Amino acid sequence: PGAMHTSRLFTLVLVVQPSRVLLGMKKRGFGAGLWNGFGGKVQPGESIEEAARRELLEESGLTVDTLQKIGQITFEFVGNSELMDVHIFRADHFHGEPTESEEMRPQWFQLDEVPFHHMWPDDSYWFPLVLQRKLFRGYFKFQGQDTILEHSLKEVEEV
């Protein structure tokens, strides 16, 4: 990433159970029509974890006791000077029932039926690391929403 870039903080939460994962169909805005985890922008005065909990509740209706910070990915989009600094969390235990919101329609998927063809193309690279509880850092450079021009991804000791 070049010096001319600014970055903005985002969160992403994946709710994982032994045989399934909860994803949401994004109904509007950035990434509409794709399945994804739950998350969004970190607001001023809010910690990254607070933002992750807030977005999970707003988008899925769920609350969690514990969030495990599992990864951090920087996204660059050609023609956009703002980088996305995405902090990825895994939640294994939750309270409530997944509930559709204005932005997201939650649905459980078996772990061998994750709909990668209807998700952001980077997800298939790092999703297995989340399921294996491996900590990771990554960088993906996109042309539009479909094409990864370059990327790096590595397991780390801490995120």
Protein backbone atom coordinates (compact mmCIF):
# COMPACT_ATOMS: atom_id res chain seq x y z
CA PRO A 1 0.00 0.00 0.00
CA GLY A 2 1.33 3.39 -1.01
CA ALA A 3 1.80 6.46 1.14
CA MET A 4 -1.03 8.28 -0.62
CA HIS A 5 -3.62 6.03 0.96
CA THR A 6 -5.73 6.62 4.03
CA SER A 7 -7.41 3.69 5.72
CA ARG A 8 -10.73 3.17 7.43
CA LEU A 9 -11.47 0.56 10.10
CA PHE A 10 -14.06 -2.15 9.52
CA THR A 11 -15.13 -5.25 11.42
CA LEU A 12 -16.27 -8.68 10.25
CA VAL A 13 -17.73 -11.36 12.53
CA LEU A 14 -18.15 -15.03 11.65
CA VAL A 15 -20.43 -17.06 13.93
CA VAL A 16 -19.13 -20.63 13.78
CA GLN A 17 -20.64 -23.81 15.19
CA PRO A 18 -19.09 -27.29 14.96
CA SER A 19 -20.81 -28.13 11.67
CA ARG A 20 -22.07 -24.81 10.33
CA VAL A 21 -21.43 -21.10 9.91
CA LEU A 22 -23.85 -18.16 9.91
CA LEU A 23 -23.65 -15.84 6.91
CA GLY A 24 -25.82 -12.93 5.85
CA MET A 25 -27.09 -12.05 2.39
CA LYS A 26 -26.28 -8.35 1.95
CA LYS A 27 -29.48 -6.72 0.73
CA ARG A 28 -28.21 -3.23 -0.12
CA GLY A 29 -25.12 -1.04 -0.29
CA PHE A 30 -21.52 -2.20 -0.64
CA GLY A 31 -21.36 -5.90 -1.55
CA ALA A 32 -25.12 -6.24 -2.11
CA GLY A 33 -26.11 -9.66 -3.45
CA LEU A 34 -23.21 -11.45 -1.76
CA TRP A 35 -23.10 -13.65 1.32
CA ASN A 36 -20.76 -12.35 4.01
CA GLY A 37 -20.09 -12.25 7.71
CA PHE A 38 -21.58 -9.45 9.81
CA GLY A 39 -19.83 -6.14 10.34
CA GLY A 40 -19.23 -2.62 9.17
CA LYS A 41 -17.47 0.64 9.91
CA VAL A 42 -15.97 1.38 13.31
CA GLN A 43 -17.56 4.62 14.57
CA PRO A 44 -15.64 7.42 16.34
CA GLY A 45 -15.22 6.72 20.06
CA GLU A 46 -15.89 3.02 19.64
CA SER A 47 -13.36 0.22 20.08
CA ILE A 48 -12.97 -2.28 17.25
CA GLU A 49 -14.53 -5.03 19.36
CA GLU A 50 -17.43 -2.78 20.43
CA ALA A 51 -18.10 -2.05 16.76
CA ALA A 52 -18.01 -5.76 15.94
CA ARG A 53 -20.57 -6.54 18.67
CA ARG A 54 -22.82 -3.63 17.64
CA GLU A 55 -22.83 -4.58 13.97
CA LEU A 56 -23.45 -8.25 14.75
CA LEU A 57 -26.47 -7.29 16.87
CA GLU A 58 -27.80 -4.77 14.32
CA GLU A 59 -27.43 -7.08 11.34
CA SER A 60 -28.23 -10.52 12.81
CA GLY A 61 -30.01 -9.97 16.14
CA LEU A 62 -27.34 -11.99 17.99
CA THR A 63 -25.24 -11.12 21.01
CA VAL A 64 -22.04 -12.95 21.93
CA ASP A 65 -20.08 -13.47 25.14
CA THR A 66 -16.67 -13.83 23.54
CA LEU A 67 -15.22 -12.63 20.26
CA GLN A 68 -11.88 -14.08 19.19
CA LYS A 69 -9.85 -11.69 17.05
CA ILE A 70 -8.63 -14.01 14.33
CA GLY A 71 -7.44 -11.97 11.38
CA GLN A 72 -6.72 -8.61 9.84
CA ILE A 73 -6.91 -7.90 6.11
CA THR A 74 -6.14 -4.71 4.23
CA PHE A 75 -8.13 -4.21 1.04
CA GLU A 76 -7.13 -1.85 -1.74
CA PHE A 77 -9.51 -1.04 -4.59
CA VAL A 78 -8.04 0.37 -7.80
CA GLY A 79 -9.15 3.98 -8.19
CA ASN A 80 -10.05 4.40 -4.51
CA SER A 81 -7.47 6.10 -2.28
CA GLU A 82 -9.07 4.74 0.91
CA LEU A 83 -7.88 1.35 2.12
CA MET A 84 -10.21 -0.89 4.10
CA ASP A 85 -8.57 -2.20 7.27
CA VAL A 86 -10.81 -5.14 8.21
CA HIS A 87 -10.55 -6.82 11.61
CA ILE A 88 -12.03 -10.32 11.54
CA PHE A 89 -13.52 -12.03 14.60
CA ARG A 90 -14.81 -15.51 15.28
CA ALA A 91 -17.70 -16.15 17.67
CA ASP A 92 -18.52 -19.68 18.83
CA HIS A 93 -21.32 -19.06 21.33
CA PHE A 94 -24.20 -16.65 20.93
CA HIS A 95 -27.52 -15.61 22.42
CA GLY A 96 -30.71 -15.01 20.48
CA GLU A 97 -32.06 -16.21 17.16
CA PRO A 98 -30.68 -15.00 13.83
CA THR A 99 -33.12 -12.34 12.65
CA GLU A 100 -33.34 -10.61 9.29
CA SER A 101 -32.51 -6.90 9.33
CA GLU A 102 -32.90 -4.16 6.73
CA GLU A 103 -29.36 -4.84 5.57
CA MET A 104 -28.82 -8.58 6.00
CA ARG A 105 -30.71 -11.88 5.75
CA PRO A 106 -28.94 -14.46 7.96
CA GLN A 107 -28.75 -18.13 7.02
CA TRP A 108 -26.85 -21.14 8.37
CA PHE A 109 -24.58 -23.05 5.98
CA GLN A 110 -22.99 -26.44 6.54
CA LEU A 111 -19.21 -26.03 6.53
CA ASP A 112 -18.87 -28.08 3.34
CA GLU A 113 -21.55 -25.99 1.59
CA VAL A 114 -20.22 -22.45 2.11
CA PRO A 115 -21.37 -20.52 -1.01
CA PHE A 116 -17.97 -19.19 -2.10
CA HIS A 117 -19.23 -18.53 -5.65
CA HIS A 118 -21.66 -15.98 -4.20
CA MET A 119 -19.19 -14.34 -1.80
CA TRP A 120 -16.32 -11.88 -2.12
CA PRO A 121 -13.57 -13.73 -4.01
CA ASP A 122 -11.00 -13.28 -1.22
CA ASP A 123 -13.16 -15.24 1.25
CA SER A 124 -12.14 -18.63 -0.14
CA TYR A 125 -8.48 -17.81 0.63
CA TRP A 126 -8.82 -17.04 4.35
CA PHE A 127 -12.11 -18.68 5.39
CA PRO A 128 -10.45 -22.06 6.03
CA LEU A 129 -8.02 -20.33 8.43
CA VAL A 130 -10.96 -19.01 10.47
CA LEU A 131 -12.46 -22.49 10.70
CA GLN A 132 -9.09 -23.91 11.82
CA ARG A 133 -8.61 -21.07 14.37
CA LYS A 134 -5.40 -19.95 12.66
CA LEU A 135 -4.47 -16.29 13.16
CA PHE A 136 -3.64 -14.47 9.93
CA ARG A 137 -2.87 -11.18 8.21
CA GLY A 138 -3.58 -10.48 4.59
CA TYR A 139 -3.63 -7.94 1.79
CA PHE A 140 -5.87 -8.05 -1.29
CA LYS A 141 -5.86 -5.60 -4.19
CA PHE A 142 -9.10 -5.58 -6.17
CA GLN A 143 -10.18 -4.32 -9.57
CA GLY A 144 -13.90 -3.80 -9.02
CA GLN A 145 -15.61 -6.41 -6.84
CA ASP A 146 -14.67 -9.47 -8.89
CA THR A 147 -10.97 -9.43 -9.69
CA ILE A 148 -8.06 -9.92 -7.29
CA LEU A 149 -4.96 -8.34 -8.87
CA GLU A 150 -2.53 -9.26 -6.11
CA HIS A 151 -2.66 -10.66 -2.61
CA SER A 152 -0.63 -11.91 0.31
CA LEU A 153 -1.80 -14.00 3.23
CA LYS A 154 0.20 -15.39 6.11
CA GLU A 155 -0.40 -17.08 9.42
CA VAL A 156 0.85 -15.05 12.39
CA GLU A 157 1.41 -15.52 16.12
CA GLU A 158 -0.92 -12.65 17.09
CA VAL A 159 -3.29 -10.17 15.45
